[in-house]
């Protein structure tokens, strides 16, 4: 599974670093939405497919831990400014996923922060 490491951030913000060097296990990939798996399949290079899958599996793990929803039940929708947000969130939050080569950073904050 993708290695996740919590990073120091001022409250109430939460940060994680994810290593994108390994393809996630099939069970983690199965937790992704069909659209995420379809997008991953379109990558031409295995390296890019691996990075995408690892980043999105890590994001679902973080959001699942925060919202209490199982990873496969998380649904995304477009927010008012076109940014993705969790559609079916019992605990509101905003998040961002940024990546460069084999590292991703996930930032999360309670909604309204």
PDB file of N, CA and C in Angstrom:
ATOM      1  N   UNK A   1       0.849  -1.180   0.000  1.00  0.00           N
ATOM      2  CA  UNK A   1       0.000   0.000   0.000  1.00  0.00           C
ATOM      3  C   UNK A   1       0.887   1.233   0.000  1.00  0.00           C
ATOM      4  N   UNK A   2       0.338   2.331  -0.441  1.00  0.00           N
ATOM      5  CA  UNK A   2       1.051   3.595  -0.485  1.00  0.00           C
ATOM      6  C   UNK A   2       1.432   4.022   0.931  1.00  0.00           C
ATOM      7  N   UNK A   3       2.686   4.396   1.111  1.00  0.00           N
ATOM      8  CA  UNK A   3       3.149   4.865   2.411  1.00  0.00           C
ATOM      9  C   UNK A   3       2.651   6.281   2.643  1.00  0.00           C
ATOM     10  N   UNK A   4       1.915   6.476   3.737  1.00  0.00           N
ATOM     11  CA  UNK A   4       1.404   7.789   4.114  1.00  0.00           C
ATOM     12  C   UNK A   4       2.137   8.238   5.365  1.00  0.00           C
ATOM     13  N   UNK A   5       2.534   9.494   5.414  1.00  0.00           N
ATOM     14  CA  UNK A   5       3.185  10.047   6.592  1.00  0.00           C
ATOM     15  C   UNK A   5       2.527  11.375   6.931  1.00  0.00           C
ATOM     16  N   UNK A   6       2.087  11.515   8.158  1.00  0.00           N
ATOM     17  CA  UNK A   6       1.512  12.779   8.597  1.00  0.00           C
ATOM     18  C   UNK A   6       2.626  13.814   8.678  1.00  0.00           C
ATOM     19  N   UNK A   7       2.311  15.038   8.266  1.00  0.00           N
ATOM     20  CA  UNK A   7       3.259  16.146   8.325  1.00  0.00           C
ATOM     21  C   UNK A   7       2.752  17.178   9.320  1.00  0.00           C
ATOM     22  N   UNK A   8       3.635  17.963   9.873  1.00  0.00           N
ATOM     23  CA  UNK A   8       3.245  19.016  10.815  1.00  0.00           C
ATOM     24  C   UNK A   8       2.566  20.154  10.050  1.00  0.00           C
ATOM     25  N   UNK A   9       1.439  20.598  10.572  1.00  0.00           N
ATOM     26  CA  UNK A   9       0.720  21.737   9.988  1.00  0.00           C
ATOM     27  C   UNK A   9       0.019  22.475  11.118  1.00  0.00           C
ATOM     28  N   UNK A  10      -0.173  23.784  10.986  1.00  0.00           N
ATOM     29  CA  UNK A  10      -0.890  24.519  12.034  1.00  0.00           C
ATOM     30  C   UNK A  10      -2.360  24.091  12.082  1.00  0.00           C
ATOM     31  N   UNK A  11      -2.901  23.973  13.288  1.00  0.00           N
ATOM     32  CA  UNK A  11      -4.300  23.575  13.457  1.00  0.00           C
ATOM     33  C   UNK A  11      -5.197  24.604  12.766  1.00  0.00           C
ATOM     34  N   UNK A  12      -6.284  24.241  12.163  1.00  0.00           N
ATOM     35  CA  UNK A  12      -6.899  22.923  12.099  1.00  0.00           C
ATOM     36  C   UNK A  12      -6.504  22.133  10.854  1.00  0.00           C
ATOM     37  N   UNK A  13      -5.456  22.544  10.177  1.00  0.00           N
ATOM     38  CA  UNK A  13      -5.077  21.919   8.915  1.00  0.00           C
ATOM     39  C   UNK A  13      -4.330  20.614   9.150  1.00  0.00           C
ATOM     40  N   UNK A  14      -4.531  19.676   8.244  1.00  0.00           N
ATOM     41  CA  UNK A  14      -3.882  18.369   8.312  1.00  0.00           C
ATOM     42  C   UNK A  14      -3.159  18.119   6.995  1.00  0.00           C
ATOM     43  N   UNK A  15      -1.940  17.601   7.066  1.00  0.00           N
ATOM     44  CA  UNK A  15      -1.136  17.317   5.873  1.00  0.00           C
ATOM     45  C   UNK A  15      -0.578  15.901   5.935  1.00  0.00           C
ATOM     46  N   UNK A  16      -0.523  15.258   4.774  1.00  0.00           N
ATOM     47  CA  UNK A  16       0.101  13.941   4.638  1.00  0.00           C
ATOM     48  C   UNK A  16       0.983  13.941   3.404  1.00  0.00           C
ATOM     49  N   UNK A  17       2.079  13.216   3.487  1.00  0.00           N
ATOM     50  CA  UNK A  17       2.931  12.961   2.319  1.00  0.00           C
ATOM     51  C   UNK A  17       2.731  11.500   1.953  1.00  0.00           C
ATOM     52  N   UNK A  18       2.557  11.237   0.666  1.00  0.00           N
ATOM     53  CA  UNK A  18       2.364   9.877   0.175  1.00  0.00           C
ATOM     54  C   UNK A  18       3.441   9.548  -0.848  1.00  0.00           C
ATOM     55  N   UNK A  19       4.082   8.411  -0.673  1.00  0.00           N
ATOM     56  CA  UNK A  19       5.054   7.920  -1.652  1.00  0.00           C
ATOM     57  C   UNK A  19       4.282   7.235  -2.772  1.00  0.00           C
ATOM     58  N   UNK A  20       4.628   7.563  -4.002  1.00  0.00           N
ATOM     59  CA  UNK A  20       3.916   7.025  -5.170  1.00  0.00           C
ATOM     60  C   UNK A  20       4.793   6.029  -5.935  1.00  0.00           C
ATOM     61  N   UNK A  21       5.667   5.347  -5.230  1.00  0.00           N
ATOM     62  CA  UNK A  21       6.653   4.468  -5.862  1.00  0.00           C
ATOM     63  C   UNK A  21       6.146   3.055  -6.109  1.00  0.00           C
ATOM     64  N   UNK A  22       5.038   2.667  -5.482  1.00  0.00           N
ATOM     65  CA  UNK A  22       4.528   1.303  -5.631  1.00  0.00           C
ATOM     66  C   UNK A  22       3.072   1.331  -6.086  1.00  0.00           C
ATOM     67  N   UNK A  23       2.721   0.405  -6.946  1.00  0.00           N
ATOM     68  CA  UNK A  23       1.324   0.265  -7.350  1.00  0.00           C
ATOM     69  C   UNK A  23       0.534  -0.254  -6.159  1.00  0.00           C
ATOM     70  N   UNK A  24      -0.584   0.379  -5.834  1.00  0.00           N
ATOM     71  CA  UNK A  24      -1.388  -0.093  -4.704  1.00  0.00           C
ATOM     72  C   UNK A  24      -1.910  -1.507  -4.961  1.00  0.00           C
ATOM     73  N   UNK A  25      -2.232  -2.243  -3.891  1.00  0.00           N
ATOM     74  CA  UNK A  25      -2.804  -3.578  -4.072  1.00  0.00           C
ATOM     75  C   UNK A  25      -4.160  -3.503  -4.774  1.00  0.00           C
ATOM     76  N   UNK A  26      -4.542  -4.601  -5.398  1.00  0.00           N
ATOM     77  CA  UNK A  26      -5.820  -4.658  -6.127  1.00  0.00           C
ATOM     78  C   UNK A  26      -6.997  -4.272  -5.236  1.00  0.00           C
ATOM     79  N   UNK A  27      -6.951  -4.671  -3.955  1.00  0.00           N
ATOM     80  CA  UNK A  27      -8.061  -4.347  -3.043  1.00  0.00           C
ATOM     81  C   UNK A  27      -8.210  -2.839  -2.878  1.00  0.00           C
ATOM     82  N   UNK A  28      -7.112  -2.102  -2.841  1.00  0.00           N
ATOM     83  CA  UNK A  28      -7.179  -0.642  -2.716  1.00  0.00           C
ATOM     84  C   UNK A  28      -7.680  -0.020  -4.017  1.00  0.00           C
ATOM     85  N   UNK A  29      -7.218  -0.534  -5.146  1.00  0.00           N
ATOM     86  CA  UNK A  29      -7.662  -0.014  -6.452  1.00  0.00           C
ATOM     87  C   UNK A  29      -9.152  -0.247  -6.634  1.00  0.00           C
ATOM     88  N   UNK A  30      -9.663  -1.363  -6.125  1.00  0.00           N
ATOM     89  CA  UNK A  30     -11.089  -1.677  -6.228  1.00  0.00           C
ATOM     90  C   UNK A  30     -11.947  -0.667  -5.470  1.00  0.00           C
ATOM     91  N   UNK A  31     -11.352   0.061  -4.506  1.00  0.00           N
ATOM     92  CA  UNK A  31     -12.081   1.065  -3.727  1.00  0.00           C
ATOM     93  C   UNK A  31     -12.303   2.363  -4.520  1.00  0.00           C
ATOM     94  N   UNK A  32     -11.561   2.536  -5.615  1.00  0.00           N
ATOM     95  CA  UNK A  32     -11.698   3.745  -6.430  1.00  0.00           C
ATOM     96  C   UNK A  32     -13.015   3.729  -7.197  1.00  0.00           C
ATOM     97  N   UNK A  33     -13.479   4.891  -7.560  1.00  0.00           N
ATOM     98  CA  UNK A  33     -14.681   5.005  -8.386  1.00  0.00           C
ATOM     99  C   UNK A  33     -14.368   4.504  -9.791  1.00  0.00           C
ATOM    100  N   UNK A  34     -15.369   4.011 -10.510  1.00  0.00           N
ATOM    101  CA  UNK A  34     -15.128   3.552 -11.880  1.00  0.00           C
ATOM    102  C   UNK A  34     -14.441   4.615 -12.743  1.00  0.00           C
ATOM    103  N   UNK A  35     -14.816   5.869 -12.606  1.00  0.00           N
ATOM    104  CA  UNK A  35     -14.200   6.937 -13.405  1.00  0.00           C
ATOM    105  C   UNK A  35     -12.710   7.065 -13.099  1.00  0.00           C
ATOM    106  N   UNK A  36     -12.315   6.864 -11.840  1.00  0.00           N
ATOM    107  CA  UNK A  36     -10.897   6.935 -11.479  1.00  0.00           C
ATOM    108  C   UNK A  36     -10.132   5.761 -12.092  1.00  0.00           C
ATOM    109  N   UNK A  37     -10.716   4.580 -12.050  1.00  0.00           N
ATOM    110  CA  UNK A  37     -10.044   3.405 -12.647  1.00  0.00           C
ATOM    111  C   UNK A  37      -9.954   3.553 -14.163  1.00  0.00           C
ATOM    112  N   UNK A  38     -11.007   4.089 -14.781  1.00  0.00           N
ATOM    113  CA  UNK A  38     -10.992   4.305 -16.237  1.00  0.00           C
ATOM    114  C   UNK A  38      -9.921   5.325 -16.625  1.00  0.00           C
ATOM    115  N   UNK A  39      -9.801   6.381 -15.854  1.00  0.00           N
ATOM    116  CA  UNK A  39      -8.771   7.383 -16.153  1.00  0.00           C
ATOM    117  C   UNK A  39      -7.378   6.776 -16.016  1.00  0.00           C
ATOM    118  N   UNK A  40      -7.170   6.002 -14.970  1.00  0.00           N
ATOM    119  CA  UNK A  40      -5.863   5.350 -14.772  1.00  0.00           C
ATOM    120  C   UNK A  40      -5.520   4.454 -15.962  1.00  0.00           C
ATOM    121  N   UNK A  41      -6.504   3.763 -16.484  1.00  0.00           N
ATOM    122  CA  UNK A  41      -6.271   2.838 -17.605  1.00  0.00           C
ATOM    123  C   UNK A  41      -5.854   3.582 -18.875  1.00  0.00           C
ATOM    124  N   UNK A  42      -6.166   4.855 -18.971  1.00  0.00           N
ATOM    125  CA  UNK A  42      -5.831   5.628 -20.174  1.00  0.00           C
ATOM    126  C   UNK A  42      -4.399   6.145 -20.193  1.00  0.00           C
ATOM    127  N   UNK A  43      -3.694   6.076 -19.067  1.00  0.00           N
ATOM    128  CA  UNK A  43      -2.307   6.543 -19.063  1.00  0.00           C
ATOM    129  C   UNK A  43      -1.461   5.664 -19.962  1.00  0.00           C
ATOM    130  N   UNK A  44      -0.639   6.276 -20.741  1.00  0.00           N
ATOM    131  CA  UNK A  44       0.186   5.541 -21.694  1.00  0.00           C
ATOM    132  C   UNK A  44       1.360   4.830 -21.010  1.00  0.00           C
ATOM    133  N   UNK A  45       1.937   5.488 -20.013  1.00  0.00           N
ATOM    134  CA  UNK A  45       3.113   4.936 -19.342  1.00  0.00           C
ATOM    135  C   UNK A  45       2.716   4.348 -17.995  1.00  0.00           C
ATOM    136  N   UNK A  46       3.252   3.165 -17.701  1.00  0.00           N
ATOM    137  CA  UNK A  46       2.954   2.480 -16.439  1.00  0.00           C
ATOM    138  C   UNK A  46       3.314   3.363 -15.256  1.00  0.00           C
ATOM    139  N   UNK A  47       4.415   4.094 -15.324  1.00  0.00           N
ATOM    140  CA  UNK A  47       4.867   4.977 -14.248  1.00  0.00           C
ATOM    141  C   UNK A  47       3.782   5.994 -13.891  1.00  0.00           C
ATOM    142  N   UNK A  48       3.163   6.588 -14.900  1.00  0.00           N
ATOM    143  CA  UNK A  48       2.118   7.586 -14.666  1.00  0.00           C
ATOM    144  C   UNK A  48       0.847   6.940 -14.111  1.00  0.00           C
ATOM    145  N   UNK A  49       0.521   5.758 -14.608  1.00  0.00           N
ATOM    146  CA  UNK A  49      -0.642   5.017 -14.109  1.00  0.00           C
ATOM    147  C   UNK A  49      -0.450   4.682 -12.624  1.00  0.00           C
ATOM    148  N   UNK A  50       0.754   4.191 -12.277  1.00  0.00           N
ATOM    149  CA  UNK A  50       1.074   3.842 -10.885  1.00  0.00           C
ATOM    150  C   UNK A  50       0.948   5.062  -9.980  1.00  0.00           C
ATOM    151  N   UNK A  51       1.513   6.172 -10.400  1.00  0.00           N
ATOM    152  CA  UNK A  51       1.469   7.391  -9.592  1.00  0.00           C
ATOM    153  C   UNK A  51       0.036   7.870  -9.377  1.00  0.00           C
ATOM    154  N   UNK A  52      -0.748   7.836 -10.445  1.00  0.00           N
ATOM    155  CA  UNK A  52      -2.150   8.252 -10.336  1.00  0.00           C
ATOM    156  C   UNK A  52      -2.904   7.351  -9.359  1.00  0.00           C
ATOM    157  N   UNK A  53      -2.771   6.042  -9.534  1.00  0.00           N
ATOM    158  CA  UNK A  53      -3.473   5.095  -8.665  1.00  0.00           C
ATOM    159  C   UNK A  53      -3.037   5.260  -7.208  1.00  0.00           C
ATOM    160  N   UNK A  54      -1.731   5.361  -6.981  1.00  0.00           N
ATOM    161  CA  UNK A  54      -1.229   5.494  -5.610  1.00  0.00           C
ATOM    162  C   UNK A  54      -1.730   6.780  -4.964  1.00  0.00           C
ATOM    163  N   UNK A  55      -1.727   7.874  -5.706  1.00  0.00           N
ATOM    164  CA  UNK A  55      -2.182   9.157  -5.161  1.00  0.00           C
ATOM    165  C   UNK A  55      -3.668   9.121  -4.827  1.00  0.00           C
ATOM    166  N   UNK A  56      -4.467   8.549  -5.704  1.00  0.00           N
ATOM    167  CA  UNK A  56      -5.913   8.535  -5.480  1.00  0.00           C
ATOM    168  C   UNK A  56      -6.322   7.527  -4.414  1.00  0.00           C
ATOM    169  N   UNK A  57      -5.594   6.429  -4.303  1.00  0.00           N
ATOM    170  CA  UNK A  57      -5.847   5.486  -3.199  1.00  0.00           C
ATOM    171  C   UNK A  57      -5.488   6.143  -1.872  1.00  0.00           C
ATOM    172  N   UNK A  58      -4.369   6.867  -1.827  1.00  0.00           N
ATOM    173  CA  UNK A  58      -3.968   7.568  -0.604  1.00  0.00           C
ATOM    174  C   UNK A  58      -5.004   8.626  -0.227  1.00  0.00           C
ATOM    175  N   UNK A  59      -5.483   9.377  -1.217  1.00  0.00           N
ATOM    176  CA  UNK A  59      -6.493  10.399  -0.953  1.00  0.00           C
ATOM    177  C   UNK A  59      -7.746   9.775  -0.355  1.00  0.00           C
ATOM    178  N   UNK A  60      -8.198   8.672  -0.918  1.00  0.00           N
ATOM    179  CA  UNK A  60      -9.393   8.007  -0.386  1.00  0.00           C
ATOM    180  C   UNK A  60      -9.162   7.495   1.037  1.00  0.00           C
ATOM    181  N   UNK A  61      -7.952   7.035   1.325  1.00  0.00           N
ATOM    182  CA  UNK A  61      -7.639   6.581   2.685  1.00  0.00           C
ATOM    183  C   UNK A  61      -7.749   7.741   3.669  1.00  0.00           C
ATOM    184  N   UNK A  62      -7.156   8.871   3.330  1.00  0.00           N
ATOM    185  CA  UNK A  62      -7.191  10.053   4.202  1.00  0.00           C
ATOM    186  C   UNK A  62      -8.626  10.538   4.381  1.00  0.00           C
ATOM    187  N   UNK A  63      -9.356  10.673   3.284  1.00  0.00           N
ATOM    188  CA  UNK A  63     -10.734  11.167   3.377  1.00  0.00           C
ATOM    189  C   UNK A  63     -11.627  10.190   4.138  1.00  0.00           C
ATOM    190  N   UNK A  64     -11.390   8.912   3.973  1.00  0.00           N
ATOM    191  CA  UNK A  64     -12.153   7.905   4.702  1.00  0.00           C
ATOM    192  C   UNK A  64     -11.898   8.029   6.203  1.00  0.00           C
ATOM    193  N   UNK A  65     -10.636   8.168   6.576  1.00  0.00           N
ATOM    194  CA  UNK A  65     -10.300   8.328   7.994  1.00  0.00           C
ATOM    195  C   UNK A  65     -10.960   9.578   8.578  1.00  0.00           C
ATOM    196  N   UNK A  66     -10.997  10.661   7.821  1.00  0.00           N
ATOM    197  CA  UNK A  66     -11.536  11.920   8.316  1.00  0.00           C
ATOM    198  C   UNK A  66     -13.066  11.911   8.376  1.00  0.00           C
ATOM    199  N   UNK A  67     -13.709  11.409   7.325  1.00  0.00           N
ATOM    200  CA  UNK A  67     -15.174  11.473   7.255  1.00  0.00           C
ATOM    201  C   UNK A  67     -15.862  10.302   7.940  1.00  0.00           C
ATOM    202  N   UNK A  68     -15.140   9.190   8.083  1.00  0.00           N
ATOM    203  CA  UNK A  68     -15.759   7.991   8.637  1.00  0.00           C
ATOM    204  C   UNK A  68     -16.461   7.136   7.601  1.00  0.00           C
ATOM    205  N   UNK A  69     -16.462   7.569   6.348  1.00  0.00           N
ATOM    206  CA  UNK A  69     -17.062   6.779   5.263  1.00  0.00           C
ATOM    207  C   UNK A  69     -16.035   5.779   4.733  1.00  0.00           C
ATOM    208  N   UNK A  70     -16.461   4.571   4.377  1.00  0.00           N
ATOM    209  CA  UNK A  70     -15.528   3.641   3.735  1.00  0.00           C
ATOM    210  C   UNK A  70     -15.034   4.237   2.414  1.00  0.00           C
ATOM    211  N   UNK A  71     -13.774   3.952   2.034  1.00  0.00           N
ATOM    212  CA  UNK A  71     -13.214   4.553   0.810  1.00  0.00           C
ATOM    213  C   UNK A  71     -14.091   4.370  -0.430  1.00  0.00           C
ATOM    214  N   UNK A  72     -14.703   3.209  -0.595  1.00  0.00           N
ATOM    215  CA  UNK A  72     -15.492   2.959  -1.807  1.00  0.00           C
ATOM    216  C   UNK A  72     -16.812   3.729  -1.817  1.00  0.00           C
ATOM    217  N   UNK A  73     -17.240   4.252  -0.671  1.00  0.00           N
ATOM    218  CA  UNK A  73     -18.495   5.016  -0.619  1.00  0.00           C
ATOM    219  C   UNK A  73     -18.292   6.520  -0.771  1.00  0.00           C
ATOM    220  N   UNK A  74     -17.045   6.970  -0.799  1.00  0.00           N
ATOM    221  CA  UNK A  74     -16.786   8.391  -1.010  1.00  0.00           C
ATOM    222  C   UNK A  74     -17.159   8.773  -2.435  1.00  0.00           C
ATOM    223  N   UNK A  75     -17.936   9.821  -2.558  1.00  0.00           N
ATOM    224  CA  UNK A  75     -18.322  10.323  -3.879  1.00  0.00           C
ATOM    225  C   UNK A  75     -17.863  11.769  -3.988  1.00  0.00           C
ATOM    226  N   UNK A  76     -17.343  12.130  -5.148  1.00  0.00           N
ATOM    227  CA  UNK A  76     -16.877  13.491  -5.379  1.00  0.00           C
ATOM    228  C   UNK A  76     -17.891  14.235  -6.236  1.00  0.00           C
ATOM    229  N   UNK A  77     -17.949  15.534  -6.010  1.00  0.00           N
ATOM    230  CA  UNK A  77     -18.743  16.420  -6.867  1.00  0.00           C
ATOM    231  C   UNK A  77     -17.929  17.679  -7.092  1.00  0.00           C
ATOM    232  N   UNK A  78     -18.327  18.431  -8.088  1.00  0.00           N
ATOM    233  CA  UNK A  78     -17.642  19.688  -8.372  1.00  0.00           C
ATOM    234  C   UNK A  78     -18.198  20.766  -7.461  1.00  0.00           C
ATOM    235  N   UNK A  79     -17.301  21.478  -6.781  1.00  0.00           N
ATOM    236  CA  UNK A  79     -17.703  22.559  -5.893  1.00  0.00           C
ATOM    237  C   UNK A  79     -18.026  23.819  -6.662  1.00  0.00           C
ATOM    238  N   UNK A  80     -18.358  24.899  -5.959  1.00  0.00           N
ATOM    239  CA  UNK A  80     -18.780  26.135  -6.633  1.00  0.00           C
ATOM    240  C   UNK A  80     -17.707  26.755  -7.527  1.00  0.00           C
ATOM    241  N   UNK A  81     -16.442  26.470  -7.293  1.00  0.00           N
ATOM    242  CA  UNK A  81     -15.362  27.029  -8.114  1.00  0.00           C
ATOM    243  C   UNK A  81     -14.691  25.961  -8.980  1.00  0.00           C
ATOM    244  N   UNK A  82     -15.371  24.817  -9.163  1.00  0.00           N
ATOM    245  CA  UNK A  82     -14.850  23.757 -10.014  1.00  0.00           C
ATOM    246  C   UNK A  82     -13.909  22.802  -9.323  1.00  0.00           C
ATOM    247  N   UNK A  83     -13.648  23.000  -8.041  1.00  0.00           N
ATOM    248  CA  UNK A  83     -12.748  22.131  -7.288  1.00  0.00           C
ATOM    249  C   UNK A  83     -13.519  20.926  -6.760  1.00  0.00           C
ATOM    250  N   UNK A  84     -12.925  19.733  -6.814  1.00  0.00           N
ATOM    251  CA  UNK A  84     -13.645  18.560  -6.292  1.00  0.00           C
ATOM    252  C   UNK A  84     -13.863  18.672  -4.780  1.00  0.00           C
ATOM    253  N   UNK A  85     -14.985  18.125  -4.338  1.00  0.00           N
ATOM    254  CA  UNK A  85     -15.277  18.036  -2.914  1.00  0.00           C
ATOM    255  C   UNK A  85     -16.019  16.731  -2.658  1.00  0.00           C
ATOM    256  N   UNK A  86     -16.041  16.323  -1.396  1.00  0.00           N
ATOM    257  CA  UNK A  86     -16.750  15.095  -1.035  1.00  0.00           C
ATOM    258  C   UNK A  86     -18.237  15.398  -1.054  1.00  0.00           C
ATOM    259  N   UNK A  87     -18.988  14.643  -1.863  1.00  0.00           N
ATOM    260  CA  UNK A  87     -20.411  14.906  -2.050  1.00  0.00           C
ATOM    261  C   UNK A  87     -21.242  14.405  -0.872  1.00  0.00           C
ATOM    262  N   UNK A  88     -20.918  13.252  -0.351  1.00  0.00           N
ATOM    263  CA  UNK A  88     -21.744  12.601   0.654  1.00  0.00           C
ATOM    264  C   UNK A  88     -21.044  12.594   2.010  1.00  0.00           C
ATOM    265  N   UNK A  89     -20.592  13.751   2.418  1.00  0.00           N
ATOM    266  CA  UNK A  89     -19.765  13.843   3.627  1.00  0.00           C
ATOM    267  C   UNK A  89     -20.613  14.018   4.887  1.00  0.00           C
ATOM    268  N   UNK A  90     -20.413  13.152   5.852  1.00  0.00           N
ATOM    269  CA  UNK A  90     -21.067  13.364   7.138  1.00  0.00           C
ATOM    270  C   UNK A  90     -20.293  14.400   7.962  1.00  0.00           C
ATOM    271  N   UNK A  91     -19.038  14.608   7.618  1.00  0.00           N
ATOM    272  CA  UNK A  91     -18.176  15.570   8.311  1.00  0.00           C
ATOM    273  C   UNK A  91     -17.545  16.431   7.223  1.00  0.00           C
ATOM    274  N   UNK A  92     -17.953  17.671   7.121  1.00  0.00           N
ATOM    275  CA  UNK A  92     -17.538  18.546   6.022  1.00  0.00           C
ATOM    276  C   UNK A  92     -16.053  18.875   6.083  1.00  0.00           C
ATOM    277  N   UNK A  93     -15.422  18.870   4.926  1.00  0.00           N
ATOM    278  CA  UNK A  93     -14.011  19.227   4.827  1.00  0.00           C
ATOM    279  C   UNK A  93     -13.700  19.704   3.418  1.00  0.00           C
ATOM    280  N   UNK A  94     -12.586  20.400   3.299  1.00  0.00           N
ATOM    281  CA  UNK A  94     -12.035  20.746   1.996  1.00  0.00           C
ATOM    282  C   UNK A  94     -10.683  20.061   1.900  1.00  0.00           C
ATOM    283  N   UNK A  95     -10.283  19.716   0.685  1.00  0.00           N
ATOM    284  CA  UNK A  95      -9.034  18.981   0.520  1.00  0.00           C
ATOM    285  C   UNK A  95      -8.361  19.365  -0.779  1.00  0.00           C
ATOM    286  N   UNK A  96      -7.079  19.023  -0.851  1.00  0.00           N
ATOM    287  CA  UNK A  96      -6.324  19.227  -2.066  1.00  0.00           C
ATOM    288  C   UNK A  96      -5.306  18.100  -2.192  1.00  0.00           C
ATOM    289  N   UNK A  97      -5.077  17.662  -3.394  1.00  0.00           N
ATOM    290  CA  UNK A  97      -4.078  16.649  -3.710  1.00  0.00           C
ATOM    291  C   UNK A  97      -3.104  17.268  -4.702  1.00  0.00           C
ATOM    292  N   UNK A  98      -1.836  17.281  -4.355  1.00  0.00           N
ATOM    293  CA  UNK A  98      -0.800  17.809  -5.235  1.00  0.00           C
ATOM    294  C   UNK A  98       0.296  16.763  -5.340  1.00  0.00           C
ATOM    295  N   UNK A  99       0.864  16.632  -6.522  1.00  0.00           N
ATOM    296  CA  UNK A  99       1.907  15.613  -6.674  1.00  0.00           C
ATOM    297  C   UNK A  99       2.980  16.070  -7.652  1.00  0.00           C
ATOM    298  N   UNK A 100       4.167  15.519  -7.441  1.00  0.00           N
ATOM    299  CA  UNK A 100       5.302  15.745  -8.320  1.00  0.00           C
ATOM    300  C   UNK A 100       6.129  14.475  -8.316  1.00  0.00           C
ATOM    301  N   UNK A 101       6.278  13.898  -9.479  1.00  0.00           N
ATOM    302  CA  UNK A 101       7.007  12.637  -9.641  1.00  0.00           C
ATOM    303  C   UNK A 101       6.493  11.599  -8.649  1.00  0.00           C
ATOM    304  N   UNK A 102       7.328  11.094  -7.739  1.00  0.00           N
ATOM    305  CA  UNK A 102       6.932   9.987  -6.866  1.00  0.00           C
ATOM    306  C   UNK A 102       6.462  10.424  -5.481  1.00  0.00           C
ATOM    307  N   UNK A 103       6.055  11.682  -5.342  1.00  0.00           N
ATOM    308  CA  UNK A 103       5.573  12.176  -4.050  1.00  0.00           C
ATOM    309  C   UNK A 103       4.281  12.955  -4.238  1.00  0.00           C
ATOM    310  N   UNK A 104       3.350  12.723  -3.329  1.00  0.00           N
ATOM    311  CA  UNK A 104       2.105  13.490  -3.305  1.00  0.00           C
ATOM    312  C   UNK A 104       1.939  14.096  -1.918  1.00  0.00           C
ATOM    313  N   UNK A 105       1.258  15.225  -1.857  1.00  0.00           N
ATOM    314  CA  UNK A 105       0.894  15.838  -0.587  1.00  0.00           C
ATOM    315  C   UNK A 105      -0.619  16.025  -0.603  1.00  0.00           C
ATOM    316  N   UNK A 106      -1.237  15.619   0.489  1.00  0.00           N
ATOM    317  CA  UNK A 106      -2.684  15.766   0.664  1.00  0.00           C
ATOM    318  C   UNK A 106      -2.904  16.745   1.803  1.00  0.00           C
ATOM    319  N   UNK A 107      -3.671  17.785   1.545  1.00  0.00           N
ATOM    320  CA  UNK A 107      -4.015  18.775   2.568  1.00  0.00           C
ATOM    321  C   UNK A 107      -5.512  18.687   2.827  1.00  0.00           C
ATOM    322  N   UNK A 108      -5.876  18.817   4.093  1.00  0.00           N
ATOM    323  CA  UNK A 108      -7.278  18.705   4.477  1.00  0.00           C
ATOM    324  C   UNK A 108      -7.549  19.725   5.580  1.00  0.00           C
ATOM    325  N   UNK A 109      -8.727  20.325   5.526  1.00  0.00           N
ATOM    326  CA  UNK A 109      -9.140  21.269   6.555  1.00  0.00           C
ATOM    327  C   UNK A 109     -10.656  21.165   6.719  1.00  0.00           C
ATOM    328  N   UNK A 110     -11.144  21.425   7.907  1.00  0.00           N
ATOM    329  CA  UNK A 110     -12.606  21.474   8.076  1.00  0.00           C
ATOM    330  C   UNK A 110     -13.181  22.510   7.115  1.00  0.00           C
ATOM    331  N   UNK A 111     -14.370  22.279   6.604  1.00  0.00           N
ATOM    332  CA  UNK A 111     -15.023  23.214   5.687  1.00  0.00           C
ATOM    333  C   UNK A 111     -15.112  24.584   6.328  1.00  0.00           C
ATOM    334  N   UNK A 112     -14.889  25.614   5.533  1.00  0.00           N
ATOM    335  CA  UNK A 112     -14.954  26.977   6.018  1.00  0.00           C
ATOM    336  C   UNK A 112     -13.643  27.526   6.536  1.00  0.00           C
ATOM    337  N   UNK A 113     -12.597  26.733   6.508  1.00  0.00           N
ATOM    338  CA  UNK A 113     -11.282  27.180   7.004  1.00  0.00           C
ATOM    339  C   UNK A 113     -10.469  27.745   5.875  1.00  0.00           C
TER     340      UNK A 113
END
